[in-house]
C-alpha atoms as a PDB file:
ATOM      1  CA  UNK A   1      30.489   0.010   6.968  1.00  0.00           C
ATOM      2  CA  UNK A   2      30.932   3.053   9.216  1.00  0.00           C
ATOM      3  CA  UNK A   3      29.586   2.149  12.666  1.00  0.00           C
ATOM      4  CA  UNK A   4      30.184   3.564  16.139  1.00  0.00           C
ATOM      5  CA  UNK A   5      29.639   1.436  19.259  1.00  0.00           C
ATOM      6  CA  UNK A   6      27.986   3.192  22.199  1.00  0.00           C
ATOM      7  CA  UNK A   7      30.303   2.206  25.030  1.00  0.00           C
ATOM      8  CA  UNK A   8      27.651   2.625  27.767  1.00  0.00           C
ATOM      9  CA  UNK A   9      25.654  -0.253  26.239  1.00  0.00           C
ATOM     10  CA  UNK A  10      26.812  -3.796  27.010  1.00  0.00           C
ATOM     11  CA  UNK A  11      27.780  -5.959  24.056  1.00  0.00           C
ATOM     12  CA  UNK A  12      25.498  -8.881  23.391  1.00  0.00           C
ATOM     13  CA  UNK A  13      26.416 -12.251  24.898  1.00  0.00           C
ATOM     14  CA  UNK A  14      25.455 -15.701  23.677  1.00  0.00           C
ATOM     15  CA  UNK A  15      23.338 -16.424  26.746  1.00  0.00           C
ATOM     16  CA  UNK A  16      21.123 -13.403  26.039  1.00  0.00           C
ATOM     17  CA  UNK A  17      20.940 -14.311  22.351  1.00  0.00           C
ATOM     18  CA  UNK A  18      19.708 -17.792  23.248  1.00  0.00           C
ATOM     19  CA  UNK A  19      17.280 -16.404  25.844  1.00  0.00           C
ATOM     20  CA  UNK A  20      15.348 -14.293  23.353  1.00  0.00           C
ATOM     21  CA  UNK A  21      15.962 -16.157  20.081  1.00  0.00           C
ATOM     22  CA  UNK A  22      14.123 -19.184  21.433  1.00  0.00           C
ATOM     23  CA  UNK A  23      13.895 -21.033  18.105  1.00  0.00           C
ATOM     24  CA  UNK A  24      17.605 -20.310  17.553  1.00  0.00           C
ATOM     25  CA  UNK A  25      17.116 -18.640  14.217  1.00  0.00           C
ATOM     26  CA  UNK A  26      20.650 -17.296  14.575  1.00  0.00           C
ATOM     27  CA  UNK A  27      22.024 -20.811  14.149  1.00  0.00           C
ATOM     28  CA  UNK A  28      20.490 -20.969  10.668  1.00  0.00           C
ATOM     29  CA  UNK A  29      22.087 -17.626   9.805  1.00  0.00           C
ATOM     30  CA  UNK A  30      25.436 -18.920  11.027  1.00  0.00           C
ATOM     31  CA  UNK A  31      25.053 -21.609   8.341  1.00  0.00           C
ATOM     32  CA  UNK A  32      23.887 -19.409   5.444  1.00  0.00           C
ATOM     33  CA  UNK A  33      27.044 -19.861   3.312  1.00  0.00           C
ATOM     34  CA  UNK A  34      26.941 -23.634   3.818  1.00  0.00           C
ATOM     35  CA  UNK A  35      23.218 -23.762   2.979  1.00  0.00           C
ATOM     36  CA  UNK A  36      23.801 -21.626  -0.127  1.00  0.00           C
ATOM     37  CA  UNK A  37      26.537 -23.932  -1.373  1.00  0.00           C
ATOM     38  CA  UNK A  38      24.591 -27.150  -0.755  1.00  0.00           C
ATOM     39  CA  UNK A  39      21.486 -25.677  -2.383  1.00  0.00           C
ATOM     40  CA  UNK A  40      23.336 -24.667  -5.530  1.00  0.00           C
ATOM     41  CA  UNK A  41      25.053 -28.062  -5.708  1.00  0.00           C
ATOM     42  CA  UNK A  42      21.808 -29.974  -5.120  1.00  0.00           C
ATOM     43  CA  UNK A  43      20.400 -32.504  -7.560  1.00  0.00           C
ATOM     44  CA  UNK A  44      17.294 -30.462  -8.333  1.00  0.00           C
ATOM     45  CA  UNK A  45      16.313 -30.916 -11.962  1.00  0.00           C
ATOM     46  CA  UNK A  46      16.935 -27.790 -14.099  1.00  0.00           C
ATOM     47  CA  UNK A  47      13.966 -26.167 -15.827  1.00  0.00           C
ATOM     48  CA  UNK A  48      14.841 -26.241 -19.513  1.00  0.00           C
ATOM     49  CA  UNK A  49      13.337 -23.232 -21.249  1.00  0.00           C
ATOM     50  CA  UNK A  50      15.115 -20.846 -23.621  1.00  0.00           C
ATOM     51  CA  UNK A  51      12.401 -18.694 -25.196  1.00  0.00           C
ATOM     52  CA  UNK A  52      11.135 -16.631 -22.259  1.00  0.00           C
ATOM     53  CA  UNK A  53      11.154 -12.979 -23.307  1.00  0.00           C
ATOM     54  CA  UNK A  54       8.722 -11.997 -20.567  1.00  0.00           C
ATOM     55  CA  UNK A  55       8.925 -13.319 -17.009  1.00  0.00           C
ATOM     56  CA  UNK A  56       6.567 -12.656 -14.120  1.00  0.00           C
ATOM     57  CA  UNK A  57       7.811 -13.479 -10.622  1.00  0.00           C
ATOM     58  CA  UNK A  58       5.105 -13.973  -7.995  1.00  0.00           C
ATOM     59  CA  UNK A  59       5.583 -14.281  -4.250  1.00  0.00           C
ATOM     60  CA  UNK A  60       4.839 -12.610  -0.947  1.00  0.00           C
ATOM     61  CA  UNK A  61       7.035 -11.712   2.026  1.00  0.00           C
ATOM     62  CA  UNK A  62      10.261 -13.714   2.141  1.00  0.00           C
ATOM     63  CA  UNK A  63       9.412 -15.357  -1.179  1.00  0.00           C
ATOM     64  CA  UNK A  64       8.837 -11.980  -2.780  1.00  0.00           C
ATOM     65  CA  UNK A  65      12.219 -10.803  -1.476  1.00  0.00           C
ATOM     66  CA  UNK A  66      13.878 -13.667  -3.335  1.00  0.00           C
ATOM     67  CA  UNK A  67      12.037 -12.750  -6.532  1.00  0.00           C
ATOM     68  CA  UNK A  68      13.271  -9.161  -6.150  1.00  0.00           C
ATOM     69  CA  UNK A  69      16.835 -10.458  -6.567  1.00  0.00           C
ATOM     70  CA  UNK A  70      15.961 -12.079  -9.894  1.00  0.00           C
ATOM     71  CA  UNK A  71      14.251  -8.920 -11.110  1.00  0.00           C
ATOM     72  CA  UNK A  72      17.368  -6.918 -10.215  1.00  0.00           C
ATOM     73  CA  UNK A  73      19.635  -9.297 -12.117  1.00  0.00           C
ATOM     74  CA  UNK A  74      17.362  -9.434 -15.158  1.00  0.00           C
ATOM     75  CA  UNK A  75      17.036  -5.645 -15.257  1.00  0.00           C
ATOM     76  CA  UNK A  76      20.489  -5.676 -16.859  1.00  0.00           C
ATOM     77  CA  UNK A  77      19.203  -7.825 -19.754  1.00  0.00           C
ATOM     78  CA  UNK A  78      16.646  -7.510 -22.570  1.00  0.00           C
ATOM     79  CA  UNK A  79      14.219  -9.817 -20.765  1.00  0.00           C
ATOM     80  CA  UNK A  80      11.090  -8.019 -19.566  1.00  0.00           C
ATOM     81  CA  UNK A  81      10.294  -8.804 -15.942  1.00  0.00           C
ATOM     82  CA  UNK A  82       7.724  -7.876 -13.370  1.00  0.00           C
ATOM     83  CA  UNK A  83       7.156  -8.789  -9.736  1.00  0.00           C
ATOM     84  CA  UNK A  84       3.678  -9.593  -8.454  1.00  0.00           C
ATOM     85  CA  UNK A  85       3.100  -9.216  -4.730  1.00  0.00           C
ATOM     86  CA  UNK A  86      -0.653  -9.692  -4.660  1.00  0.00           C
ATOM     87  CA  UNK A  87      -3.281 -12.203  -5.782  1.00  0.00           C
ATOM     88  CA  UNK A  88      -3.736 -10.631  -9.219  1.00  0.00           C
ATOM     89  CA  UNK A  89      -1.846 -11.660 -12.342  1.00  0.00           C
ATOM     90  CA  UNK A  90      -1.554  -9.071 -15.157  1.00  0.00           C
ATOM     91  CA  UNK A  91      -3.951  -9.637 -18.047  1.00  0.00           C
ATOM     92  CA  UNK A  92      -0.994  -9.323 -20.431  1.00  0.00           C
ATOM     93  CA  UNK A  93       0.209 -12.787 -19.365  1.00  0.00           C
ATOM     94  CA  UNK A  94      -0.212 -15.318 -22.174  1.00  0.00           C
ATOM     95  CA  UNK A  95       1.375 -18.468 -23.607  1.00  0.00           C
ATOM     96  CA  UNK A  96       4.630 -16.592 -24.297  1.00  0.00           C
ATOM     97  CA  UNK A  97       5.018 -15.603 -20.638  1.00  0.00           C
ATOM     98  CA  UNK A  98       6.921 -17.549 -18.016  1.00  0.00           C
ATOM     99  CA  UNK A  99       5.378 -17.242 -14.553  1.00  0.00           C
ATOM    100  CA  UNK A 100       7.663 -18.172 -11.653  1.00  0.00           C
ATOM    101  CA  UNK A 101       5.664 -18.641  -8.449  1.00  0.00           C
ATOM    102  CA  UNK A 102       7.347 -18.996  -5.074  1.00  0.00           C
ATOM    103  CA  UNK A 103       5.857 -19.769  -1.681  1.00  0.00           C
ATOM    104  CA  UNK A 104       8.203 -21.175   0.944  1.00  0.00           C
ATOM    105  CA  UNK A 105       5.305 -22.703   2.892  1.00  0.00           C
ATOM    106  CA  UNK A 106       3.405 -23.635  -0.249  1.00  0.00           C
ATOM    107  CA  UNK A 107       0.215 -22.285   1.328  1.00  0.00           C
ATOM    108  CA  UNK A 108       0.378 -18.560   0.571  1.00  0.00           C
ATOM    109  CA  UNK A 109      -3.124 -17.556  -0.470  1.00  0.00           C
ATOM    110  CA  UNK A 110      -2.119 -14.779  -2.881  1.00  0.00           C
ATOM    111  CA  UNK A 111       0.519 -16.847  -4.666  1.00  0.00           C
ATOM    112  CA  UNK A 112      -1.798 -19.823  -5.052  1.00  0.00           C
ATOM    113  CA  UNK A 113      -4.285 -17.473  -6.704  1.00  0.00           C
ATOM    114  CA  UNK A 114      -1.599 -16.292  -9.143  1.00  0.00           C
ATOM    115  CA  UNK A 115      -0.640 -19.889  -9.891  1.00  0.00           C
ATOM    116  CA  UNK A 116      -4.237 -20.758 -10.745  1.00  0.00           C
ATOM    117  CA  UNK A 117      -4.588 -17.659 -12.957  1.00  0.00           C
ATOM    118  CA  UNK A 118      -1.331 -18.440 -14.772  1.00  0.00           C
ATOM    119  CA  UNK A 119      -2.574 -21.931 -15.607  1.00  0.00           C
ATOM    120  CA  UNK A 120      -5.922 -20.634 -16.835  1.00  0.00           C
ATOM    121  CA  UNK A 121      -4.203 -17.988 -18.976  1.00  0.00           C
ATOM    122  CA  UNK A 122      -2.019 -20.626 -20.625  1.00  0.00           C
ATOM    123  CA  UNK A 123       1.329 -19.332 -19.360  1.00  0.00           C
ATOM    124  CA  UNK A 124       4.498 -21.349 -18.952  1.00  0.00           C
ATOM    125  CA  UNK A 125       4.824 -22.111 -15.237  1.00  0.00           C
ATOM    126  CA  UNK A 126       7.330 -23.269 -12.682  1.00  0.00           C
ATOM    127  CA  UNK A 127       6.618 -23.273  -8.952  1.00  0.00           C
ATOM    128  CA  UNK A 128       8.884 -23.471  -5.903  1.00  0.00           C
ATOM    129  CA  UNK A 129       7.810 -24.372  -2.372  1.00  0.00           C
ATOM    130  CA  UNK A 130       8.583 -26.609   0.572  1.00  0.00           C
ATOM    131  CA  UNK A 131       5.413 -28.544  -0.247  1.00  0.00           C
ATOM    132  CA  UNK A 132       1.924 -27.614   0.893  1.00  0.00           C
ATOM    133  CA  UNK A 133      -1.043 -26.781  -1.317  1.00  0.00           C
ATOM    134  CA  UNK A 134       1.211 -25.489  -4.081  1.00  0.00           C
ATOM    135  CA  UNK A 135       2.902 -28.835  -4.631  1.00  0.00           C
ATOM    136  CA  UNK A 136      -0.457 -30.615  -4.538  1.00  0.00           C
ATOM    137  CA  UNK A 137      -1.888 -28.192  -7.113  1.00  0.00           C
ATOM    138  CA  UNK A 138       1.094 -28.659  -9.424  1.00  0.00           C
ATOM    139  CA  UNK A 139       0.849 -32.432  -9.127  1.00  0.00           C
ATOM    140  CA  UNK A 140      -2.867 -32.303  -9.943  1.00  0.00           C
ATOM    141  CA  UNK A 141      -2.337 -30.285 -13.137  1.00  0.00           C
ATOM    142  CA  UNK A 142       1.076 -31.710 -14.111  1.00  0.00           C
ATOM    143  CA  UNK A 143       2.868 -28.387 -13.652  1.00  0.00           C
ATOM    144  CA  UNK A 144       6.598 -27.992 -13.072  1.00  0.00           C
ATOM    145  CA  UNK A 145       7.369 -27.842  -9.345  1.00  0.00           C
ATOM    146  CA  UNK A 146      10.527 -28.065  -7.236  1.00  0.00           C
ATOM    147  CA  UNK A 147      10.512 -28.857  -3.522  1.00  0.00           C
ATOM    148  CA  UNK A 148      13.093 -26.839  -1.569  1.00  0.00           C
ATOM    149  CA  UNK A 149      14.072 -27.344   2.102  1.00  0.00           C
ATOM    150  CA  UNK A 150      12.702 -25.001   4.763  1.00  0.00           C
ATOM    151  CA  UNK A 151      15.072 -23.771   7.467  1.00  0.00           C
ATOM    152  CA  UNK A 152      13.303 -22.476  10.590  1.00  0.00           C
ATOM    153  CA  UNK A 153      11.087 -19.916   8.798  1.00  0.00           C
ATOM    154  CA  UNK A 154      10.473 -18.525   5.296  1.00  0.00           C
ATOM    155  CA  UNK A 155      12.744 -15.518   5.877  1.00  0.00           C
ATOM    156  CA  UNK A 156      15.652 -17.564   7.231  1.00  0.00           C
ATOM    157  CA  UNK A 157      15.304 -19.936   4.229  1.00  0.00           C
ATOM    158  CA  UNK A 158      16.476 -17.129   1.912  1.00  0.00           C
ATOM    159  CA  UNK A 159      19.713 -18.768   0.729  1.00  0.00           C
ATOM    160  CA  UNK A 160      18.107 -22.215   0.507  1.00  0.00           C
ATOM    161  CA  UNK A 161      15.487 -20.973  -1.952  1.00  0.00           C
ATOM    162  CA  UNK A 162      17.611 -18.390  -3.775  1.00  0.00           C
ATOM    163  CA  UNK A 163      20.468 -20.735  -4.654  1.00  0.00           C
ATOM    164  CA  UNK A 164      18.189 -23.692  -5.380  1.00  0.00           C
ATOM    165  CA  UNK A 165      16.258 -21.489  -7.792  1.00  0.00           C
ATOM    166  CA  UNK A 166      19.488 -20.255  -9.380  1.00  0.00           C
ATOM    167  CA  UNK A 167      20.341 -23.907 -10.027  1.00  0.00           C
ATOM    168  CA  UNK A 168      16.926 -24.766 -11.483  1.00  0.00           C
ATOM    169  CA  UNK A 169      16.572 -21.573 -13.545  1.00  0.00           C
ATOM    170  CA  UNK A 170      20.084 -21.575 -15.021  1.00  0.00           C
ATOM    171  CA  UNK A 171      18.665 -21.555 -18.569  1.00  0.00           C
ATOM    172  CA  UNK A 172      16.452 -18.568 -17.696  1.00  0.00           C
ATOM    173  CA  UNK A 173      18.658 -16.366 -15.501  1.00  0.00           C
ATOM    174  CA  UNK A 174      21.724 -15.245 -17.511  1.00  0.00           C
ATOM    175  CA  UNK A 175      24.219 -15.249 -14.673  1.00  0.00           C
ATOM    176  CA  UNK A 176      27.654 -16.810 -14.855  1.00  0.00           C
ATOM    177  CA  UNK A 177      28.510 -19.747 -12.619  1.00  0.00           C
ATOM    178  CA  UNK A 178      31.607 -17.914 -11.399  1.00  0.00           C
ATOM    179  CA  UNK A 179      29.407 -15.063 -10.176  1.00  0.00           C
ATOM    180  CA  UNK A 180      27.344 -17.513  -8.149  1.00  0.00           C
ATOM    181  CA  UNK A 181      30.378 -19.216  -6.625  1.00  0.00           C
ATOM    182  CA  UNK A 182      31.886 -15.788  -5.950  1.00  0.00           C
ATOM    183  CA  UNK A 183      28.777 -14.744  -4.026  1.00  0.00           C
ATOM    184  CA  UNK A 184      28.999 -17.869  -1.849  1.00  0.00           C
ATOM    185  CA  UNK A 185      32.708 -17.330  -1.205  1.00  0.00           C
ATOM    186  CA  UNK A 186      32.010 -13.755  -0.140  1.00  0.00           C
ATOM    187  CA  UNK A 187      29.196 -14.988   2.127  1.00  0.00           C
ATOM    188  CA  UNK A 188      31.803 -17.098   3.901  1.00  0.00           C
ATOM    189  CA  UNK A 189      33.960 -14.004   4.349  1.00  0.00           C
ATOM    190  CA  UNK A 190      31.035 -11.915   5.638  1.00  0.00           C
ATOM    191  CA  UNK A 191      30.071 -14.736   7.992  1.00  0.00           C
ATOM    192  CA  UNK A 192      33.324 -14.432   9.952  1.00  0.00           C
ATOM    193  CA  UNK A 193      32.462 -10.905  11.026  1.00  0.00           C
ATOM    194  CA  UNK A 194      28.768 -11.194  11.864  1.00  0.00           C
ATOM    195  CA  UNK A 195      28.113 -14.716  13.174  1.00  0.00           C
ATOM    196  CA  UNK A 196      27.043 -15.494  16.750  1.00  0.00           C
ATOM    197  CA  UNK A 197      30.512 -16.504  17.940  1.00  0.00           C
ATOM    198  CA  UNK A 198      31.769 -12.969  17.268  1.00  0.00           C
ATOM    199  CA  UNK A 199      29.626 -10.840  19.586  1.00  0.00           C
ATOM    200  CA  UNK A 200      32.057  -7.981  20.050  1.00  0.00           C
ATOM    201  CA  UNK A 201      32.873  -4.563  18.626  1.00  0.00           C
ATOM    202  CA  UNK A 202      34.184  -6.063  15.363  1.00  0.00           C
ATOM    203  CA  UNK A 203      30.752  -7.482  14.494  1.00  0.00           C
ATOM    204  CA  UNK A 204      29.385  -4.946  11.988  1.00  0.00           C
ATOM    205  CA  UNK A 205      25.825  -6.313  12.137  1.00  0.00           C
ATOM    206  CA  UNK A 206      25.804  -6.082  15.923  1.00  0.00           C
ATOM    207  CA  UNK A 207      27.261  -2.578  15.811  1.00  0.00           C
ATOM    208  CA  UNK A 208      24.474  -1.436  13.488  1.00  0.00           C
ATOM    209  CA  UNK A 209      21.884  -3.122  15.723  1.00  0.00           C
ATOM    210  CA  UNK A 210      23.228  -1.264  18.797  1.00  0.00           C
ATOM    211  CA  UNK A 211      22.803   2.023  16.991  1.00  0.00           C
ATOM    212  CA  UNK A 212      19.298   1.388  15.596  1.00  0.00           C
ATOM    213  CA  UNK A 213      17.266   2.424  18.632  1.00  0.00           C
ATOM    214  CA  UNK A 214      14.639   4.509  16.813  1.00  0.00           C
ATOM    215  CA  UNK A 215      12.935   4.320  13.390  1.00  0.00           C
ATOM    216  CA  UNK A 216      15.373   3.458  10.587  1.00  0.00           C
ATOM    217  CA  UNK A 217      15.067   5.321   7.299  1.00  0.00           C
ATOM    218  CA  UNK A 218      16.861   3.293   4.660  1.00  0.00           C
ATOM    219  CA  UNK A 219      18.172   5.154   1.605  1.00  0.00           C
ATOM    220  CA  UNK A 220      19.158   2.953  -1.339  1.00  0.00           C
ATOM    221  CA  UNK A 221      20.181   3.212  -5.010  1.00  0.00           C
ATOM    222  CA  UNK A 222      17.926   1.607  -7.601  1.00  0.00           C
ATOM    223  CA  UNK A 223      20.258  -1.373  -8.081  1.00  0.00           C
ATOM    224  CA  UNK A 224      20.007  -2.309  -4.392  1.00  0.00           C
ATOM    225  CA  UNK A 225      16.217  -2.050  -4.101  1.00  0.00           C
ATOM    226  CA  UNK A 226      16.020  -5.796  -3.378  1.00  0.00           C
ATOM    227  CA  UNK A 227      18.333  -5.297  -0.403  1.00  0.00           C
ATOM    228  CA  UNK A 228      16.442  -2.334   1.023  1.00  0.00           C
ATOM    229  CA  UNK A 229      13.070  -4.071   0.750  1.00  0.00           C
ATOM    230  CA  UNK A 230      14.456  -7.181   2.404  1.00  0.00           C
ATOM    231  CA  UNK A 231      16.018  -5.129   5.251  1.00  0.00           C
ATOM    232  CA  UNK A 232      12.699  -3.390   5.850  1.00  0.00           C
ATOM    233  CA  UNK A 233      10.842  -6.705   5.929  1.00  0.00           C
ATOM    234  CA  UNK A 234      13.367  -8.328   8.273  1.00  0.00           C
ATOM    235  CA  UNK A 235      13.326  -5.439  10.740  1.00  0.00           C
ATOM    236  CA  UNK A 236       9.539  -5.483  10.735  1.00  0.00           C
ATOM    237  CA  UNK A 237       9.276  -9.245  11.270  1.00  0.00           C
ATOM    238  CA  UNK A 238      12.237  -9.798  13.588  1.00  0.00           C
ATOM    239  CA  UNK A 239      12.523  -6.567  15.584  1.00  0.00           C
ATOM    240  CA  UNK A 240       8.797  -5.678  15.257  1.00  0.00           C
ATOM    241  CA  UNK A 241       9.778  -2.105  14.363  1.00  0.00           C
ATOM    242  CA  UNK A 242       8.476   0.511  11.954  1.00  0.00           C
ATOM    243  CA  UNK A 243      10.806   1.138   9.021  1.00  0.00           C
ATOM    244  CA  UNK A 244      10.950   3.606   6.116  1.00  0.00           C
ATOM    245  CA  UNK A 245      12.729   3.060   2.795  1.00  0.00           C
ATOM    246  CA  UNK A 246      13.403   5.652   0.089  1.00  0.00           C
ATOM    247  CA  UNK A 247      15.271   5.536  -3.226  1.00  0.00           C
ATOM    248  CA  UNK A 248      18.120   8.007  -2.785  1.00  0.00           C
ATOM    249  CA  UNK A 249      17.512   9.933  -5.996  1.00  0.00           C
ATOM    250  CA  UNK A 250      13.765  10.289  -5.560  1.00  0.00           C
ATOM    251  CA  UNK A 251      14.214  11.332  -1.924  1.00  0.00           C
ATOM    252  CA  UNK A 252      16.234  14.345  -3.108  1.00  0.00           C
ATOM    253  CA  UNK A 253      12.986  15.639  -4.637  1.00  0.00           C
ATOM    254  CA  UNK A 254      10.761  15.153  -1.578  1.00  0.00           C
ATOM    255  CA  UNK A 255      11.840  13.036   1.401  1.00  0.00           C
ATOM    256  CA  UNK A 256      14.894  15.070   2.348  1.00  0.00           C
ATOM    257  CA  UNK A 257      12.642  18.016   3.274  1.00  0.00           C
ATOM    258  CA  UNK A 258      11.402  16.001   6.273  1.00  0.00           C
ATOM    259  CA  UNK A 259      14.763  16.557   7.972  1.00  0.00           C
ATOM    260  CA  UNK A 260      14.008  20.262   8.355  1.00  0.00           C
ATOM    261  CA  UNK A 261      12.160  19.466  11.589  1.00  0.00           C
ATOM    262  CA  UNK A 262      13.350  17.387  14.588  1.00  0.00           C
ATOM    263  CA  UNK A 263      12.825  13.671  14.065  1.00  0.00           C
ATOM    264  CA  UNK A 264      13.145  10.310  15.809  1.00  0.00           C
ATOM    265  CA  UNK A 265      14.180   8.728  12.502  1.00  0.00           C
ATOM    266  CA  UNK A 266      17.693   7.357  11.917  1.00  0.00           C
ATOM    267  CA  UNK A 267      19.098   7.480   8.351  1.00  0.00           C
ATOM    268  CA  UNK A 268      21.044   4.530   6.910  1.00  0.00           C
ATOM    269  CA  UNK A 269      22.740   4.813   3.517  1.00  0.00           C
ATOM    270  CA  UNK A 270      23.006   1.530   1.564  1.00  0.00           C
ATOM    271  CA  UNK A 271      25.731   1.961  -1.036  1.00  0.00           C
ATOM    272  CA  UNK A 272      27.128  -0.181  -3.826  1.00  0.00           C
ATOM    273  CA  UNK A 273      30.854  -0.308  -4.525  1.00  0.00           C
ATOM    274  CA  UNK A 274      30.305   0.882  -8.095  1.00  0.00           C
ATOM    275  CA  UNK A 275      27.182   3.008  -7.864  1.00  0.00           C
ATOM    276  CA  UNK A 276      26.463   5.317 -10.801  1.00  0.00           C
ATOM    277  CA  UNK A 277      28.410   8.584 -10.833  1.00  0.00           C
ATOM    278  CA  UNK A 278      25.241  10.616 -10.182  1.00  0.00           C
ATOM    279  CA  UNK A 279      24.348   8.330  -7.273  1.00  0.00           C
ATOM    280  CA  UNK A 280      27.798   8.827  -5.749  1.00  0.00           C
ATOM    281  CA  UNK A 281      27.270  12.579  -5.962  1.00  0.00           C
ATOM    282  CA  UNK A 282      24.032  12.198  -4.064  1.00  0.00           C
ATOM    283  CA  UNK A 283      25.721  10.153  -1.320  1.00  0.00           C
ATOM    284  CA  UNK A 284      28.246  12.948  -0.915  1.00  0.00           C
ATOM    285  CA  UNK A 285      25.447  15.502  -0.683  1.00  0.00           C
ATOM    286  CA  UNK A 286      23.587  13.397   1.901  1.00  0.00           C
ATOM    287  CA  UNK A 287      26.715  13.195   4.062  1.00  0.00           C
ATOM    288  CA  UNK A 288      27.260  16.940   3.847  1.00  0.00           C
ATOM    289  CA  UNK A 289      23.596  17.657   4.630  1.00  0.00           C
ATOM    290  CA  UNK A 290      23.449  15.326   7.637  1.00  0.00           C
ATOM    291  CA  UNK A 291      26.748  16.563   9.054  1.00  0.00           C
ATOM    292  CA  UNK A 292      25.864  20.243   8.630  1.00  0.00           C
ATOM    293  CA  UNK A 293      22.541  19.620  10.376  1.00  0.00           C
ATOM    294  CA  UNK A 294      23.989  17.393  13.142  1.00  0.00           C
ATOM    295  CA  UNK A 295      21.969  14.365  12.047  1.00  0.00           C
ATOM    296  CA  UNK A 296      23.566  11.076  13.084  1.00  0.00           C
ATOM    297  CA  UNK A 297      23.643   8.545  10.264  1.00  0.00           C
ATOM    298  CA  UNK A 298      25.246   5.254   9.264  1.00  0.00           C
ATOM    299  CA  UNK A 299      26.608   3.913   5.995  1.00  0.00           C
ATOM    300  CA  UNK A 300      26.531   0.287   4.831  1.00  0.00           C
ATOM    301  CA  UNK A 301      28.734  -0.533   1.843  1.00  0.00           C
ATOM    302  CA  UNK A 302      28.373  -3.557  -0.402  1.00  0.00           C
ATOM    303  CA  UNK A 303      31.154  -6.023  -1.100  1.00  0.00           C
ATOM    304  CA  UNK A 304      33.064  -5.797  -4.356  1.00  0.00           C
ATOM    305  CA  UNK A 305      31.812  -8.219  -6.987  1.00  0.00           C
ATOM    306  CA  UNK A 306      28.791  -9.081  -9.095  1.00  0.00           C
ATOM    307  CA  UNK A 307      25.327  -7.674  -8.454  1.00  0.00           C
ATOM    308  CA  UNK A 308      24.331 -11.002  -6.913  1.00  0.00           C
ATOM    309  CA  UNK A 309      27.286 -10.822  -4.510  1.00  0.00           C
ATOM    310  CA  UNK A 310      26.431  -7.261  -3.530  1.00  0.00           C
ATOM    311  CA  UNK A 311      22.781  -8.011  -2.823  1.00  0.00           C
ATOM    312  CA  UNK A 312      23.176 -11.331  -1.016  1.00  0.00           C
ATOM    313  CA  UNK A 313      26.059 -10.281   1.209  1.00  0.00           C
ATOM    314  CA  UNK A 314      24.364  -7.052   2.222  1.00  0.00           C
ATOM    315  CA  UNK A 315      21.157  -8.970   2.963  1.00  0.00           C
ATOM    316  CA  UNK A 316      23.191 -11.351   5.147  1.00  0.00           C
ATOM    317  CA  UNK A 317      24.635  -8.531   7.236  1.00  0.00           C
ATOM    318  CA  UNK A 318      21.367  -6.596   7.502  1.00  0.00           C
ATOM    319  CA  UNK A 319      19.239  -9.647   8.314  1.00  0.00           C
ATOM    320  CA  UNK A 320      21.581 -10.511  11.159  1.00  0.00           C
ATOM    321  CA  UNK A 321      21.405  -6.889  12.348  1.00  0.00           C
ATOM    322  CA  UNK A 322      17.611  -7.248  12.555  1.00  0.00           C
ATOM    323  CA  UNK A 323      17.964 -10.358  14.735  1.00  0.00           C
ATOM    324  CA  UNK A 324      20.481  -8.647  17.012  1.00  0.00           C
ATOM    325  CA  UNK A 325      18.206  -5.587  17.226  1.00  0.00           C
ATOM    326  CA  UNK A 326      15.313  -7.784  18.324  1.00  0.00           C
ATOM    327  CA  UNK A 327      17.357  -9.474  21.033  1.00  0.00           C
ATOM    328  CA  UNK A 328      18.818  -6.180  22.270  1.00  0.00           C
ATOM    329  CA  UNK A 329      15.227  -4.945  22.611  1.00  0.00           C
ATOM    330  CA  UNK A 330      14.205  -8.046  24.569  1.00  0.00           C
ATOM    331  CA  UNK A 331      12.063  -9.294  21.665  1.00  0.00           C
ATOM    332  CA  UNK A 332      11.803 -12.851  20.366  1.00  0.00           C
ATOM    333  CA  UNK A 333      12.438 -12.544  16.601  1.00  0.00           C
ATOM    334  CA  UNK A 334      10.655 -15.651  15.313  1.00  0.00           C
ATOM    335  CA  UNK A 335       6.933 -15.190  16.136  1.00  0.00           C
ATOM    336  CA  UNK A 336       4.859 -13.062  13.754  1.00  0.00           C
ATOM    337  CA  UNK A 337       1.623 -12.835  15.727  1.00  0.00           C
ATOM    338  CA  UNK A 338       0.134 -10.037  13.627  1.00  0.00           C
ATOM    339  CA  UNK A 339       0.663 -11.974  10.384  1.00  0.00           C
ATOM    340  CA  UNK A 340      -1.046 -14.982  11.971  1.00  0.00           C
ATOM    341  CA  UNK A 341      -3.927 -12.687  12.985  1.00  0.00           C
ATOM    342  CA  UNK A 342      -4.414 -11.613   9.363  1.00  0.00           C
ATOM    343  CA  UNK A 343      -4.062 -15.100   7.889  1.00  0.00           C
ATOM    344  CA  UNK A 344      -6.667 -16.598  10.225  1.00  0.00           C
ATOM    345  CA  UNK A 345      -9.208 -14.045   9.041  1.00  0.00           C
ATOM    346  CA  UNK A 346      -8.431 -14.628   5.367  1.00  0.00           C
ATOM    347  CA  UNK A 347      -9.246 -18.321   5.470  1.00  0.00           C
END
């Protein structure tokens, strides 16, 4: 990742991190590789199904971000997938469809609605939550459910749910065990650079956070859509900031025109190690365009490895950047007052 530290700004210290991150969310992130490993090695019972040619993943917020990873992985297969981030289930769902519903809290209104619709439409179902109404509903109707540990908040429980679900859905998600263990090993490597005991100029997440003082515009290739969406969500929830995301190819046909006028937006290029040749050409063009027009930008490169490794490790770095950005702005990352406002009025 190409990052420049602004020397006039002080580097973050642990005392300040603790002052603003009151619930100590950062301590959970320090443990992400460990949580991932324990979750994948857990004794959760696998879901034995081999005839799912159509899978619908349903979940909101942090749960939806986890489902995005599965959709990305399955996009390389012949299995048809879709992601539902609302209360409506497609009418095409039938007894040949597998519906995977995820709600970390187990009380997400939209996802509970999808779960009920899936049962009524006769679909195959498996649900994941920390408990709540979802587990009660599944118990009432004898539906497959797995209880997964919650760590601090739904968004910081990302590796707990992702790797637990990889374990349970091993007959559904065609991903090799070595790719999963590789992703965890690379998380351990990424951890050394970005964790809270390394608050200096070598911390790439902190460096990015120092630079992100305005509105980030995140450019991404199609294969890393799950990462871009997650980064947007984390910045919004943790740093309470507005964020824009654009697919790099599509933006060449519209979004790039916005740079013809002065802007308070900061471009960030999320790049995979083996992006498609045409995507690499676009990255080169973006660099040339920004440099010729004196637009300051940053690049974040994925690790080398499987698609899972690329997504999860980039999410790790970018999530931590969102926490650091919150603290540098004097903002407590954990509370989501506006979400609570909405939920209270939906009851």
